[in-house]
Amino acid sequence: MRNLPLFILGITSLILGAIGAILPVLPTTPFILLSAYCFSKSSDKFYQWLIGFPKFGVLIKNWNEKGTIDKKSKIACLISILSVIIYFCFFSDMMMIAKIILPSTLLPVLGFVLTRPEK
């Protein structure tokens, strides 16, 4: 293991990505791509394992080789992020500052994902 903080970030984002694959409130693709980056810099063993994973390996290979995100992943990301923003900004008791910070951090992530080319 070359870099413990990156390894811990990779594990954390992998867990969030796996949760996002099951629940529609978290986008999967950005978290898995972050995990792949972190593992590529911290642990060859975990990076190779992630690349070989049937569900996530294809996403990572498409990103690494072509810089693309498939349409299904983009749609899932769009639905997830917009659902989170709508719920927390309109139907929750969050403080106003949180209702400002949430969309101002999630919308740029959504913009990045949606502007990536497809295969």
PDB file of N, CA and C in Angstrom:
ATOM      1  N   MET A   1       0.850  -1.167   0.000  1.00  0.00           N
ATOM      2  CA  MET A   1       0.000   0.000   0.000  1.00  0.00           C
ATOM      3  C   MET A   1       0.901   1.237   0.000  1.00  0.00           C
ATOM      4  N   ARG A   2       0.703   2.075  -1.016  1.00  0.00           N
ATOM      5  CA  ARG A   2       1.589   3.218  -1.196  1.00  0.00           C
ATOM      6  C   ARG A   2       1.102   4.483  -0.507  1.00  0.00           C
ATOM      7  N   ASN A   3      -0.207   4.664  -0.384  1.00  0.00           N
ATOM      8  CA  ASN A   3      -0.738   5.918   0.143  1.00  0.00           C
ATOM      9  C   ASN A   3      -2.018   5.615   0.937  1.00  0.00           C
ATOM     10  N   LEU A   4      -1.891   5.576   2.270  1.00  0.00           N
ATOM     11  CA  LEU A   4      -3.010   5.185   3.120  1.00  0.00           C
ATOM     12  C   LEU A   4      -4.216   6.128   3.018  1.00  0.00           C
ATOM     13  N   PRO A   5      -4.046   7.464   3.025  1.00  0.00           N
ATOM     14  CA  PRO A   5      -5.228   8.325   2.899  1.00  0.00           C
ATOM     15  C   PRO A   5      -6.008   8.092   1.594  1.00  0.00           C
ATOM     16  N   LEU A   6      -5.297   7.902   0.484  1.00  0.00           N
ATOM     17  CA  LEU A   6      -5.993   7.616  -0.777  1.00  0.00           C
ATOM     18  C   LEU A   6      -6.669   6.258  -0.745  1.00  0.00           C
ATOM     19  N   PHE A   7      -6.052   5.295  -0.089  1.00  0.00           N
ATOM     20  CA  PHE A   7      -6.658   3.972   0.036  1.00  0.00           C
ATOM     21  C   PHE A   7      -7.960   4.061   0.833  1.00  0.00           C
ATOM     22  N   ILE A   8      -7.949   4.794   1.942  1.00  0.00           N
ATOM     23  CA  ILE A   8      -9.149   4.961   2.769  1.00  0.00           C
ATOM     24  C   ILE A   8     -10.236   5.691   1.978  1.00  0.00           C
ATOM     25  N   LEU A   9      -9.856   6.727   1.230  1.00  0.00           N
ATOM     26  CA  LEU A   9     -10.825   7.434   0.389  1.00  0.00           C
ATOM     27  C   LEU A   9     -11.389   6.494  -0.681  1.00  0.00           C
ATOM     28  N   GLY A  10     -10.550   5.638  -1.233  1.00  0.00           N
ATOM     29  CA  GLY A  10     -10.992   4.668  -2.234  1.00  0.00           C
ATOM     30  C   GLY A  10     -12.004   3.685  -1.669  1.00  0.00           C
ATOM     31  N   ILE A  11     -11.741   3.177  -0.472  1.00  0.00           N
ATOM     32  CA  ILE A  11     -12.672   2.255   0.184  1.00  0.00           C
ATOM     33  C   ILE A  11     -13.998   2.956   0.470  1.00  0.00           C
ATOM     34  N   THR A  12     -13.914   4.183   1.005  1.00  0.00           N
ATOM     35  CA  THR A  12     -15.116   4.945   1.335  1.00  0.00           C
ATOM     36  C   THR A  12     -15.961   5.201   0.094  1.00  0.00           C
ATOM     37  N   SER A  13     -15.325   5.640  -0.975  1.00  0.00           N
ATOM     38  CA  SER A  13     -16.093   5.936  -2.182  1.00  0.00           C
ATOM     39  C   SER A  13     -16.608   4.654  -2.841  1.00  0.00           C
ATOM     40  N   LEU A  14     -15.909   3.556  -2.686  1.00  0.00           N
ATOM     41  CA  LEU A  14     -16.398   2.273  -3.202  1.00  0.00           C
ATOM     42  C   LEU A  14     -17.668   1.854  -2.460  1.00  0.00           C
ATOM     43  N   ILE A  15     -17.680   2.030  -1.152  1.00  0.00           N
ATOM     44  CA  ILE A  15     -18.874   1.701  -0.364  1.00  0.00           C
ATOM     45  C   ILE A  15     -20.049   2.591  -0.785  1.00  0.00           C
ATOM     46  N   LEU A  16     -19.785   3.894  -0.940  1.00  0.00           N
ATOM     47  CA  LEU A  16     -20.853   4.805  -1.375  1.00  0.00           C
ATOM     48  C   LEU A  16     -21.350   4.442  -2.775  1.00  0.00           C
ATOM     49  N   GLY A  17     -20.439   4.070  -3.657  1.00  0.00           N
ATOM     50  CA  GLY A  17     -20.832   3.658  -5.004  1.00  0.00           C
ATOM     51  C   GLY A  17     -21.666   2.392  -4.994  1.00  0.00           C
ATOM     52  N   ALA A  18     -21.312   1.437  -4.126  1.00  0.00           N
ATOM     53  CA  ALA A  18     -22.085   0.198  -4.021  1.00  0.00           C
ATOM     54  C   ALA A  18     -23.480   0.487  -3.474  1.00  0.00           C
ATOM     55  N   ILE A  19     -23.564   1.386  -2.506  1.00  0.00           N
ATOM     56  CA  ILE A  19     -24.876   1.782  -1.985  1.00  0.00           C
ATOM     57  C   ILE A  19     -25.682   2.465  -3.095  1.00  0.00           C
ATOM     58  N   GLY A  20     -25.010   3.297  -3.886  1.00  0.00           N
ATOM     59  CA  GLY A  20     -25.668   3.988  -4.992  1.00  0.00           C
ATOM     60  C   GLY A  20     -26.178   3.047  -6.071  1.00  0.00           C
ATOM     61  N   ALA A  21     -25.560   1.884  -6.194  1.00  0.00           N
ATOM     62  CA  ALA A  21     -26.031   0.900  -7.166  1.00  0.00           C
ATOM     63  C   ALA A  21     -27.360   0.287  -6.733  1.00  0.00           C
ATOM     64  N   ILE A  22     -27.621   0.341  -5.430  1.00  0.00           N
ATOM     65  CA  ILE A  22     -28.850  -0.247  -4.891  1.00  0.00           C
ATOM     66  C   ILE A  22     -29.916   0.816  -4.661  1.00  0.00           C
ATOM     67  N   LEU A  23     -29.508   1.940  -4.091  1.00  0.00           N
ATOM     68  CA  LEU A  23     -30.450   3.014  -3.766  1.00  0.00           C
ATOM     69  C   LEU A  23     -30.371   4.127  -4.804  1.00  0.00           C
ATOM     70  N   PRO A  24     -31.496   4.671  -5.199  1.00  0.00           N
ATOM     71  CA  PRO A  24     -31.469   5.725  -6.216  1.00  0.00           C
ATOM     72  C   PRO A  24     -31.090   7.109  -5.688  1.00  0.00           C
ATOM     73  N   VAL A  25     -30.678   7.213  -4.437  1.00  0.00           N
ATOM     74  CA  VAL A  25     -30.347   8.531  -3.892  1.00  0.00           C
ATOM     75  C   VAL A  25     -28.864   8.881  -4.032  1.00  0.00           C
ATOM     76  N   LEU A  26     -28.050   7.928  -4.430  1.00  0.00           N
ATOM     77  CA  LEU A  26     -26.619   8.183  -4.626  1.00  0.00           C
ATOM     78  C   LEU A  26     -26.205   7.776  -6.032  1.00  0.00           C
ATOM     79  N   PRO A  27     -25.438   8.622  -6.702  1.00  0.00           N
ATOM     80  CA  PRO A  27     -24.940   8.211  -8.018  1.00  0.00           C
ATOM     81  C   PRO A  27     -23.790   7.210  -7.857  1.00  0.00           C
ATOM     82  N   THR A  28     -23.773   6.192  -8.659  1.00  0.00           N
ATOM     83  CA  THR A  28     -22.745   5.156  -8.567  1.00  0.00           C
ATOM     84  C   THR A  28     -21.472   5.539  -9.303  1.00  0.00           C
ATOM     85  N   THR A  29     -21.611   6.006 -10.521  1.00  0.00           N
ATOM     86  CA  THR A  29     -20.462   6.198 -11.401  1.00  0.00           C
ATOM     87  C   THR A  29     -19.371   7.094 -10.834  1.00  0.00           C
ATOM     88  N   PRO A  30     -19.681   8.297 -10.342  1.00  0.00           N
ATOM     89  CA  PRO A  30     -18.590   9.136  -9.841  1.00  0.00           C
ATOM     90  C   PRO A  30     -17.839   8.504  -8.667  1.00  0.00           C
ATOM     91  N   PHE A  31     -18.557   7.800  -7.801  1.00  0.00           N
ATOM     92  CA  PHE A  31     -17.898   7.172  -6.653  1.00  0.00           C
ATOM     93  C   PHE A  31     -16.998   6.022  -7.084  1.00  0.00           C
ATOM     94  N   ILE A  32     -17.430   5.246  -8.049  1.00  0.00           N
ATOM     95  CA  ILE A  32     -16.608   4.128  -8.516  1.00  0.00           C
ATOM     96  C   ILE A  32     -15.384   4.650  -9.266  1.00  0.00           C
ATOM     97  N   LEU A  33     -15.558   5.700 -10.051  1.00  0.00           N
ATOM     98  CA  LEU A  33     -14.408   6.283 -10.742  1.00  0.00           C
ATOM     99  C   LEU A  33     -13.412   6.872  -9.748  1.00  0.00           C
ATOM    100  N   LEU A  34     -13.918   7.500  -8.695  1.00  0.00           N
ATOM    101  CA  LEU A  34     -13.025   8.015  -7.647  1.00  0.00           C
ATOM    102  C   LEU A  34     -12.289   6.866  -6.972  1.00  0.00           C
ATOM    103  N   SER A  35     -12.977   5.779  -6.699  1.00  0.00           N
ATOM    104  CA  SER A  35     -12.323   4.601  -6.107  1.00  0.00           C
ATOM    105  C   SER A  35     -11.218   4.072  -7.015  1.00  0.00           C
ATOM    106  N   ALA A  36     -11.520   3.992  -8.295  1.00  0.00           N
ATOM    107  CA  ALA A  36     -10.516   3.490  -9.241  1.00  0.00           C
ATOM    108  C   ALA A  36      -9.284   4.381  -9.230  1.00  0.00           C
ATOM    109  N   TYR A  37      -9.484   5.686  -9.231  1.00  0.00           N
ATOM    110  CA  TYR A  37      -8.348   6.605  -9.189  1.00  0.00           C
ATOM    111  C   TYR A  37      -7.544   6.415  -7.898  1.00  0.00           C
ATOM    112  N   CYS A  38      -8.253   6.393  -6.775  1.00  0.00           N
ATOM    113  CA  CYS A  38      -7.571   6.255  -5.484  1.00  0.00           C
ATOM    114  C   CYS A  38      -6.802   4.943  -5.397  1.00  0.00           C
ATOM    115  N   PHE A  39      -7.423   3.851  -5.852  1.00  0.00           N
ATOM    116  CA  PHE A  39      -6.742   2.555  -5.817  1.00  0.00           C
ATOM    117  C   PHE A  39      -5.565   2.512  -6.792  1.00  0.00           C
ATOM    118  N   SER A  40      -5.687   3.190  -7.931  1.00  0.00           N
ATOM    119  CA  SER A  40      -4.576   3.183  -8.893  1.00  0.00           C
ATOM    120  C   SER A  40      -3.347   3.871  -8.312  1.00  0.00           C
ATOM    121  N   LYS A  41      -3.554   4.782  -7.370  1.00  0.00           N
ATOM    122  CA  LYS A  41      -2.441   5.494  -6.745  1.00  0.00           C
ATOM    123  C   LYS A  41      -2.020   4.889  -5.409  1.00  0.00           C
ATOM    124  N   SER A  42      -2.833   3.954  -4.872  1.00  0.00           N
ATOM    125  CA  SER A  42      -2.518   3.449  -3.532  1.00  0.00           C
ATOM    126  C   SER A  42      -2.367   1.936  -3.446  1.00  0.00           C
ATOM    127  N   SER A  43      -3.100   1.169  -4.246  1.00  0.00           N
ATOM    128  CA  SER A  43      -3.076  -0.285  -4.113  1.00  0.00           C
ATOM    129  C   SER A  43      -3.348  -0.960  -5.454  1.00  0.00           C
ATOM    130  N   ASP A  44      -2.316  -1.542  -6.043  1.00  0.00           N
ATOM    131  CA  ASP A  44      -2.485  -2.250  -7.310  1.00  0.00           C
ATOM    132  C   ASP A  44      -3.455  -3.424  -7.165  1.00  0.00           C
ATOM    133  N   LYS A  45      -3.394  -4.095  -6.029  1.00  0.00           N
ATOM    134  CA  LYS A  45      -4.259  -5.255  -5.786  1.00  0.00           C
ATOM    135  C   LYS A  45      -5.740  -4.855  -5.845  1.00  0.00           C
ATOM    136  N   PHE A  46      -6.109  -3.791  -5.142  1.00  0.00           N
ATOM    137  CA  PHE A  46      -7.504  -3.357  -5.144  1.00  0.00           C
ATOM    138  C   PHE A  46      -7.898  -2.769  -6.503  1.00  0.00           C
ATOM    139  N   TYR A  47      -6.978  -2.099  -7.160  1.00  0.00           N
ATOM    140  CA  TYR A  47      -7.282  -1.554  -8.488  1.00  0.00           C
ATOM    141  C   TYR A  47      -7.586  -2.674  -9.472  1.00  0.00           C
ATOM    142  N   GLN A  48      -6.759  -3.715  -9.487  1.00  0.00           N
ATOM    143  CA  GLN A  48      -6.988  -4.851 -10.395  1.00  0.00           C
ATOM    144  C   GLN A  48      -8.286  -5.574 -10.050  1.00  0.00           C
ATOM    145  N   TRP A  49      -8.584  -5.682  -8.757  1.00  0.00           N
ATOM    146  CA  TRP A  49      -9.837  -6.303  -8.337  1.00  0.00           C
ATOM    147  C   TRP A  49     -11.034  -5.495  -8.848  1.00  0.00           C
ATOM    148  N   LEU A  50     -10.955  -4.176  -8.724  1.00  0.00           N
ATOM    149  CA  LEU A  50     -12.055  -3.311  -9.153  1.00  0.00           C
ATOM    150  C   LEU A  50     -12.239  -3.354 -10.668  1.00  0.00           C
ATOM    151  N   ILE A  51     -11.141  -3.361 -11.409  1.00  0.00           N
ATOM    152  CA  ILE A  51     -11.204  -3.444 -12.871  1.00  0.00           C
ATOM    153  C   ILE A  51     -11.847  -4.770 -13.309  1.00  0.00           C
ATOM    154  N   GLY A  52     -11.591  -5.831 -12.562  1.00  0.00           N
ATOM    155  CA  GLY A  52     -12.128  -7.140 -12.917  1.00  0.00           C
ATOM    156  C   GLY A  52     -13.548  -7.372 -12.434  1.00  0.00           C
ATOM    157  N   PHE A  53     -14.090  -6.450 -11.644  1.00  0.00           N
ATOM    158  CA  PHE A  53     -15.439  -6.610 -11.109  1.00  0.00           C
ATOM    159  C   PHE A  53     -16.449  -6.497 -12.244  1.00  0.00           C
ATOM    160  N   PRO A  54     -17.361  -7.478 -12.363  1.00  0.00           N
ATOM    161  CA  PRO A  54     -18.275  -7.484 -13.516  1.00  0.00           C
ATOM    162  C   PRO A  54     -19.118  -6.215 -13.665  1.00  0.00           C
ATOM    163  N   LYS A  55     -19.662  -5.701 -12.597  1.00  0.00           N
ATOM    164  CA  LYS A  55     -20.564  -4.543 -12.693  1.00  0.00           C
ATOM    165  C   LYS A  55     -19.791  -3.236 -12.904  1.00  0.00           C
ATOM    166  N   PHE A  56     -18.760  -2.994 -12.105  1.00  0.00           N
ATOM    167  CA  PHE A  56     -18.048  -1.719 -12.139  1.00  0.00           C
ATOM    168  C   PHE A  56     -16.889  -1.704 -13.121  1.00  0.00           C
ATOM    169  N   GLY A  57     -16.350  -2.875 -13.442  1.00  0.00           N
ATOM    170  CA  GLY A  57     -15.185  -2.940 -14.311  1.00  0.00           C
ATOM    171  C   GLY A  57     -15.420  -2.293 -15.667  1.00  0.00           C
ATOM    172  N   VAL A  58     -16.608  -2.500 -16.217  1.00  0.00           N
ATOM    173  CA  VAL A  58     -16.944  -1.931 -17.526  1.00  0.00           C
ATOM    174  C   VAL A  58     -16.962  -0.401 -17.450  1.00  0.00           C
ATOM    175  N   LEU A  59     -17.562   0.136 -16.388  1.00  0.00           N
ATOM    176  CA  LEU A  59     -17.594   1.596 -16.216  1.00  0.00           C
ATOM    177  C   LEU A  59     -16.183   2.171 -16.167  1.00  0.00           C
ATOM    178  N   ILE A  60     -15.331   1.512 -15.411  1.00  0.00           N
ATOM    179  CA  ILE A  60     -13.957   2.004 -15.238  1.00  0.00           C
ATOM    180  C   ILE A  60     -13.170   1.880 -16.533  1.00  0.00           C
ATOM    181  N   LYS A  61     -13.307   0.748 -17.213  1.00  0.00           N
ATOM    182  CA  LYS A  61     -12.593   0.567 -18.479  1.00  0.00           C
ATOM    183  C   LYS A  61     -13.034   1.599 -19.509  1.00  0.00           C
ATOM    184  N   ASN A  62     -14.341   1.845 -19.592  1.00  0.00           N
ATOM    185  CA  ASN A  62     -14.824   2.867 -20.529  1.00  0.00           C
ATOM    186  C   ASN A  62     -14.228   4.235 -20.191  1.00  0.00           C
ATOM    187  N   TRP A  63     -14.181   4.553 -18.915  1.00  0.00           N
ATOM    188  CA  TRP A  63     -13.640   5.848 -18.503  1.00  0.00           C
ATOM    189  C   TRP A  63     -12.139   5.926 -18.777  1.00  0.00           C
ATOM    190  N   ASN A  64     -11.391   4.892 -18.381  1.00  0.00           N
ATOM    191  CA  ASN A  64      -9.929   4.913 -18.551  1.00  0.00           C
ATOM    192  C   ASN A  64      -9.501   4.898 -20.011  1.00  0.00           C
ATOM    193  N   GLU A  65     -10.181   4.110 -20.825  1.00  0.00           N
ATOM    194  CA  GLU A  65      -9.759   3.951 -22.212  1.00  0.00           C
ATOM    195  C   GLU A  65     -10.316   5.018 -23.145  1.00  0.00           C
ATOM    196  N   LYS A  66     -11.557   5.466 -22.892  1.00  0.00           N
ATOM    197  CA  LYS A  66     -12.208   6.377 -23.833  1.00  0.00           C
ATOM    198  C   LYS A  66     -12.710   7.666 -23.206  1.00  0.00           C
ATOM    199  N   GLY A  67     -12.696   7.753 -21.872  1.00  0.00           N
ATOM    200  CA  GLY A  67     -13.222   8.942 -21.198  1.00  0.00           C
ATOM    201  C   GLY A  67     -14.723   9.073 -21.337  1.00  0.00           C
ATOM    202  N   THR A  68     -15.430   7.925 -21.412  1.00  0.00           N
ATOM    203  CA  THR A  68     -16.872   7.957 -21.636  1.00  0.00           C
ATOM    204  C   THR A  68     -17.640   7.453 -20.419  1.00  0.00           C
ATOM    205  N   ILE A  69     -18.882   7.911 -20.322  1.00  0.00           N
ATOM    206  CA  ILE A  69     -19.838   7.407 -19.330  1.00  0.00           C
ATOM    207  C   ILE A  69     -21.085   7.007 -20.114  1.00  0.00           C
ATOM    208  N   ASP A  70     -21.543   5.783 -19.911  1.00  0.00           N
ATOM    209  CA  ASP A  70     -22.673   5.307 -20.713  1.00  0.00           C
ATOM    210  C   ASP A  70     -23.976   6.019 -20.348  1.00  0.00           C
ATOM    211  N   LYS A  71     -24.920   5.960 -21.271  1.00  0.00           N
ATOM    212  CA  LYS A  71     -26.184   6.688 -21.136  1.00  0.00           C
ATOM    213  C   LYS A  71     -26.979   6.240 -19.910  1.00  0.00           C
ATOM    214  N   LYS A  72     -26.989   4.950 -19.632  1.00  0.00           N
ATOM    215  CA  LYS A  72     -27.716   4.429 -18.478  1.00  0.00           C
ATOM    216  C   LYS A  72     -27.163   5.025 -17.172  1.00  0.00           C
ATOM    217  N   SER A  73     -25.869   5.116 -17.071  1.00  0.00           N
ATOM    218  CA  SER A  73     -25.252   5.694 -15.874  1.00  0.00           C
ATOM    219  C   SER A  73     -25.550   7.182 -15.756  1.00  0.00           C
ATOM    220  N   LYS A  74     -25.550   7.877 -16.884  1.00  0.00           N
ATOM    221  CA  LYS A  74     -25.882   9.305 -16.861  1.00  0.00           C
ATOM    222  C   LYS A  74     -27.317   9.530 -16.396  1.00  0.00           C
ATOM    223  N   ILE A  75     -28.236   8.714 -16.893  1.00  0.00           N
ATOM    224  CA  ILE A  75     -29.638   8.851 -16.501  1.00  0.00           C
ATOM    225  C   ILE A  75     -29.814   8.551 -15.015  1.00  0.00           C
ATOM    226  N   ALA A  76     -29.141   7.511 -14.533  1.00  0.00           N
ATOM    227  CA  ALA A  76     -29.223   7.168 -13.112  1.00  0.00           C
ATOM    228  C   ALA A  76     -28.658   8.304 -12.254  1.00  0.00           C
ATOM    229  N   CYS A  77     -27.569   8.890 -12.700  1.00  0.00           N
ATOM    230  CA  CYS A  77     -26.969  10.013 -11.977  1.00  0.00           C
ATOM    231  C   CYS A  77     -27.912  11.214 -11.967  1.00  0.00           C
ATOM    232  N   LEU A  78     -28.490  11.515 -13.102  1.00  0.00           N
ATOM    233  CA  LEU A  78     -29.432  12.630 -13.214  1.00  0.00           C
ATOM    234  C   LEU A  78     -30.624  12.448 -12.274  1.00  0.00           C
ATOM    235  N   ILE A  79     -31.230  11.284 -12.307  1.00  0.00           N
ATOM    236  CA  ILE A  79     -32.389  11.014 -11.451  1.00  0.00           C
ATOM    237  C   ILE A  79     -31.996  11.069  -9.977  1.00  0.00           C
ATOM    238  N   SER A  80     -30.874  10.477  -9.640  1.00  0.00           N
ATOM    239  CA  SER A  80     -30.438  10.449  -8.244  1.00  0.00           C
ATOM    240  C   SER A  80     -30.169  11.843  -7.698  1.00  0.00           C
ATOM    241  N   ILE A  81     -29.382  12.600  -8.421  1.00  0.00           N
ATOM    242  CA  ILE A  81     -29.010  13.928  -7.931  1.00  0.00           C
ATOM    243  C   ILE A  81     -30.221  14.852  -7.864  1.00  0.00           C
ATOM    244  N   LEU A  82     -31.040  14.847  -8.905  1.00  0.00           N
ATOM    245  CA  LEU A  82     -32.221  15.712  -8.871  1.00  0.00           C
ATOM    246  C   LEU A  82     -33.199  15.290  -7.774  1.00  0.00           C
ATOM    247  N   SER A  83     -33.329  13.996  -7.528  1.00  0.00           N
ATOM    248  CA  SER A  83     -34.200  13.524  -6.451  1.00  0.00           C
ATOM    249  C   SER A  83     -33.713  14.000  -5.093  1.00  0.00           C
ATOM    250  N   VAL A  84     -32.423  13.906  -4.876  1.00  0.00           N
ATOM    251  CA  VAL A  84     -31.847  14.368  -3.604  1.00  0.00           C
ATOM    252  C   VAL A  84     -32.059  15.866  -3.432  1.00  0.00           C
ATOM    253  N   ILE A  85     -31.782  16.628  -4.468  1.00  0.00           N
ATOM    254  CA  ILE A  85     -31.944  18.085  -4.383  1.00  0.00           C
ATOM    255  C   ILE A  85     -33.406  18.445  -4.126  1.00  0.00           C
ATOM    256  N   ILE A  86     -34.312  17.869  -4.881  1.00  0.00           N
ATOM    257  CA  ILE A  86     -35.735  18.191  -4.717  1.00  0.00           C
ATOM    258  C   ILE A  86     -36.224  17.812  -3.320  1.00  0.00           C
ATOM    259  N   TYR A  87     -35.871  16.616  -2.884  1.00  0.00           N
ATOM    260  CA  TYR A  87     -36.336  16.180  -1.562  1.00  0.00           C
ATOM    261  C   TYR A  87     -35.797  17.088  -0.455  1.00  0.00           C
ATOM    262  N   PHE A  88     -34.499  17.255  -0.411  1.00  0.00           N
ATOM    263  CA  PHE A  88     -33.917  17.998   0.704  1.00  0.00           C
ATOM    264  C   PHE A  88     -34.194  19.497   0.646  1.00  0.00           C
ATOM    265  N   CYS A  89     -34.326  20.047  -0.536  1.00  0.00           N
ATOM    266  CA  CYS A  89     -34.570  21.489  -0.633  1.00  0.00           C
ATOM    267  C   CYS A  89     -36.046  21.861  -0.456  1.00  0.00           C
ATOM    268  N   PHE A  90     -36.952  20.973  -0.813  1.00  0.00           N
ATOM    269  CA  PHE A  90     -38.364  21.329  -0.768  1.00  0.00           C
ATOM    270  C   PHE A  90     -39.179  20.586   0.298  1.00  0.00           C
ATOM    271  N   PHE A  91     -38.718  19.429   0.719  1.00  0.00           N
ATOM    272  CA  PHE A  91     -39.529  18.627   1.628  1.00  0.00           C
ATOM    273  C   PHE A  91     -38.858  18.308   2.961  1.00  0.00           C
ATOM    274  N   SER A  92     -37.735  18.933   3.256  1.00  0.00           N
ATOM    275  CA  SER A  92     -37.070  18.652   4.522  1.00  0.00           C
ATOM    276  C   SER A  92     -36.967  19.922   5.366  1.00  0.00           C
ATOM    277  N   ASP A  93     -36.584  19.728   6.603  1.00  0.00           N
ATOM    278  CA  ASP A  93     -36.455  20.845   7.538  1.00  0.00           C
ATOM    279  C   ASP A  93     -35.014  21.337   7.646  1.00  0.00           C
ATOM    280  N   MET A  94     -34.216  21.123   6.634  1.00  0.00           N
ATOM    281  CA  MET A  94     -32.816  21.557   6.669  1.00  0.00           C
ATOM    282  C   MET A  94     -32.730  23.072   6.779  1.00  0.00           C
ATOM    283  N   MET A  95     -31.626  23.521   7.347  1.00  0.00           N
ATOM    284  CA  MET A  95     -31.393  24.971   7.432  1.00  0.00           C
ATOM    285  C   MET A  95     -31.229  25.531   6.021  1.00  0.00           C
ATOM    286  N   MET A  96     -31.524  26.813   5.873  1.00  0.00           N
ATOM    287  CA  MET A  96     -31.472  27.450   4.555  1.00  0.00           C
ATOM    288  C   MET A  96     -30.072  27.357   3.943  1.00  0.00           C
ATOM    289  N   ILE A  97     -29.033  27.507   4.743  1.00  0.00           N
ATOM    290  CA  ILE A  97     -27.665  27.451   4.205  1.00  0.00           C
ATOM    291  C   ILE A  97     -27.392  26.074   3.598  1.00  0.00           C
ATOM    292  N   ALA A  98     -27.908  25.026   4.228  1.00  0.00           N
ATOM    293  CA  ALA A  98     -27.738  23.674   3.683  1.00  0.00           C
ATOM    294  C   ALA A  98     -28.504  23.519   2.372  1.00  0.00           C
ATOM    295  N   LYS A  99     -29.668  24.169   2.291  1.00  0.00           N
ATOM    296  CA  LYS A  99     -30.459  24.105   1.061  1.00  0.00           C
ATOM    297  C   LYS A  99     -29.787  24.876  -0.075  1.00  0.00           C
ATOM    298  N   ILE A 100     -28.877  25.753   0.254  1.00  0.00           N
ATOM    299  CA  ILE A 100     -28.103  26.472  -0.769  1.00  0.00           C
ATOM    300  C   ILE A 100     -26.855  25.670  -1.138  1.00  0.00           C
ATOM    301  N   ILE A 101     -26.196  25.116  -0.134  1.00  0.00           N
ATOM    302  CA  ILE A 101     -24.955  24.373  -0.368  1.00  0.00           C
ATOM    303  C   ILE A 101     -25.209  23.086  -1.141  1.00  0.00           C
ATOM    304  N   LEU A 102     -26.280  22.379  -0.817  1.00  0.00           N
ATOM    305  CA  LEU A 102     -26.549  21.087  -1.460  1.00  0.00           C
ATOM    306  C   LEU A 102     -26.620  21.180  -2.987  1.00  0.00           C
ATOM    307  N   PRO A 103     -27.491  22.028  -3.544  1.00  0.00           N
ATOM    308  CA  PRO A 103     -27.521  22.088  -5.016  1.00  0.00           C
ATOM    309  C   PRO A 103     -26.265  22.720  -5.610  1.00  0.00           C
ATOM    310  N   SER A 104     -25.638  23.628  -4.882  1.00  0.00           N
ATOM    311  CA  SER A 104     -24.443  24.266  -5.445  1.00  0.00           C
ATOM    312  C   SER A 104     -23.248  23.320  -5.483  1.00  0.00           C
ATOM    313  N   THR A 105     -23.309  22.214  -4.750  1.00  0.00           N
ATOM    314  CA  THR A 105     -22.244  21.214  -4.865  1.00  0.00           C
ATOM    315  C   THR A 105     -22.641  20.055  -5.782  1.00  0.00           C
ATOM    316  N   LEU A 106     -23.918  19.689  -5.759  1.00  0.00           N
ATOM    317  CA  LEU A 106     -24.344  18.545  -6.580  1.00  0.00           C
ATOM    318  C   LEU A 106     -24.568  18.893  -8.048  1.00  0.00           C
ATOM    319  N   LEU A 107     -25.022  20.092  -8.336  1.00  0.00           N
ATOM    320  CA  LEU A 107     -25.270  20.448  -9.743  1.00  0.00           C
ATOM    321  C   LEU A 107     -23.990  20.479 -10.587  1.00  0.00           C
ATOM    322  N   PRO A 108     -22.854  20.983 -10.063  1.00  0.00           N
ATOM    323  CA  PRO A 108     -21.624  20.866 -10.864  1.00  0.00           C
ATOM    324  C   PRO A 108     -21.204  19.415 -11.115  1.00  0.00           C
ATOM    325  N   VAL A 109     -21.415  18.537 -10.135  1.00  0.00           N
ATOM    326  CA  VAL A 109     -21.125  17.118 -10.340  1.00  0.00           C
ATOM    327  C   VAL A 109     -22.008  16.568 -11.465  1.00  0.00           C
ATOM    328  N   LEU A 110     -23.282  16.900 -11.411  1.00  0.00           N
ATOM    329  CA  LEU A 110     -24.207  16.469 -12.459  1.00  0.00           C
ATOM    330  C   LEU A 110     -23.787  17.020 -13.821  1.00  0.00           C
ATOM    331  N   GLY A 111     -23.424  18.293 -13.847  1.00  0.00           N
ATOM    332  CA  GLY A 111     -22.968  18.894 -15.100  1.00  0.00           C
ATOM    333  C   GLY A 111     -21.761  18.185 -15.684  1.00  0.00           C
ATOM    334  N   PHE A 112     -20.816  17.822 -14.808  1.00  0.00           N
ATOM    335  CA  PHE A 112     -19.624  17.108 -15.263  1.00  0.00           C
ATOM    336  C   PHE A 112     -20.004  15.766 -15.875  1.00  0.00           C
ATOM    337  N   VAL A 113     -20.829  15.012 -15.163  1.00  0.00           N
ATOM    338  CA  VAL A 113     -21.212  13.690 -15.651  1.00  0.00           C
ATOM    339  C   VAL A 113     -21.961  13.779 -16.976  1.00  0.00           C
ATOM    340  N   LEU A 114     -22.892  14.706 -17.068  1.00  0.00           N
ATOM    341  CA  LEU A 114     -23.710  14.813 -18.284  1.00  0.00           C
ATOM    342  C   LEU A 114     -22.928  15.314 -19.495  1.00  0.00           C
ATOM    343  N   THR A 115     -21.850  16.027 -19.272  1.00  0.00           N
ATOM    344  CA  THR A 115     -21.055  16.539 -20.415  1.00  0.00           C
ATOM    345  C   THR A 115     -19.976  15.569 -20.883  1.00  0.00           C
ATOM    346  N   ARG A 116     -19.823  14.439 -20.229  1.00  0.00           N
ATOM    347  CA  ARG A 116     -18.857  13.441 -20.695  1.00  0.00           C
ATOM    348  C   ARG A 116     -19.433  12.734 -21.917  1.00  0.00           C
ATOM    349  N   PRO A 117     -18.582  12.383 -22.851  1.00  0.00           N
ATOM    350  CA  PRO A 117     -19.087  11.685 -24.041  1.00  0.00           C
ATOM    351  C   PRO A 117     -19.596  10.277 -23.697  1.00  0.00           C
ATOM    352  N   GLU A 118     -20.498   9.785 -24.545  1.00  0.00           N
ATOM    353  CA  GLU A 118     -20.985   8.410 -24.415  1.00  0.00           C
ATOM    354  C   GLU A 118     -20.212   7.527 -25.392  1.00  0.00           C
ATOM    355  N   LYS A 119     -20.354   6.198 -25.267  1.00  0.00           N
ATOM    356  CA  LYS A 119     -19.632   5.324 -26.179  1.00  0.00           C
ATOM    357  C   LYS A 119     -20.105   5.467 -27.598  1.00  0.00           C
TER     358      LYS A 119
END
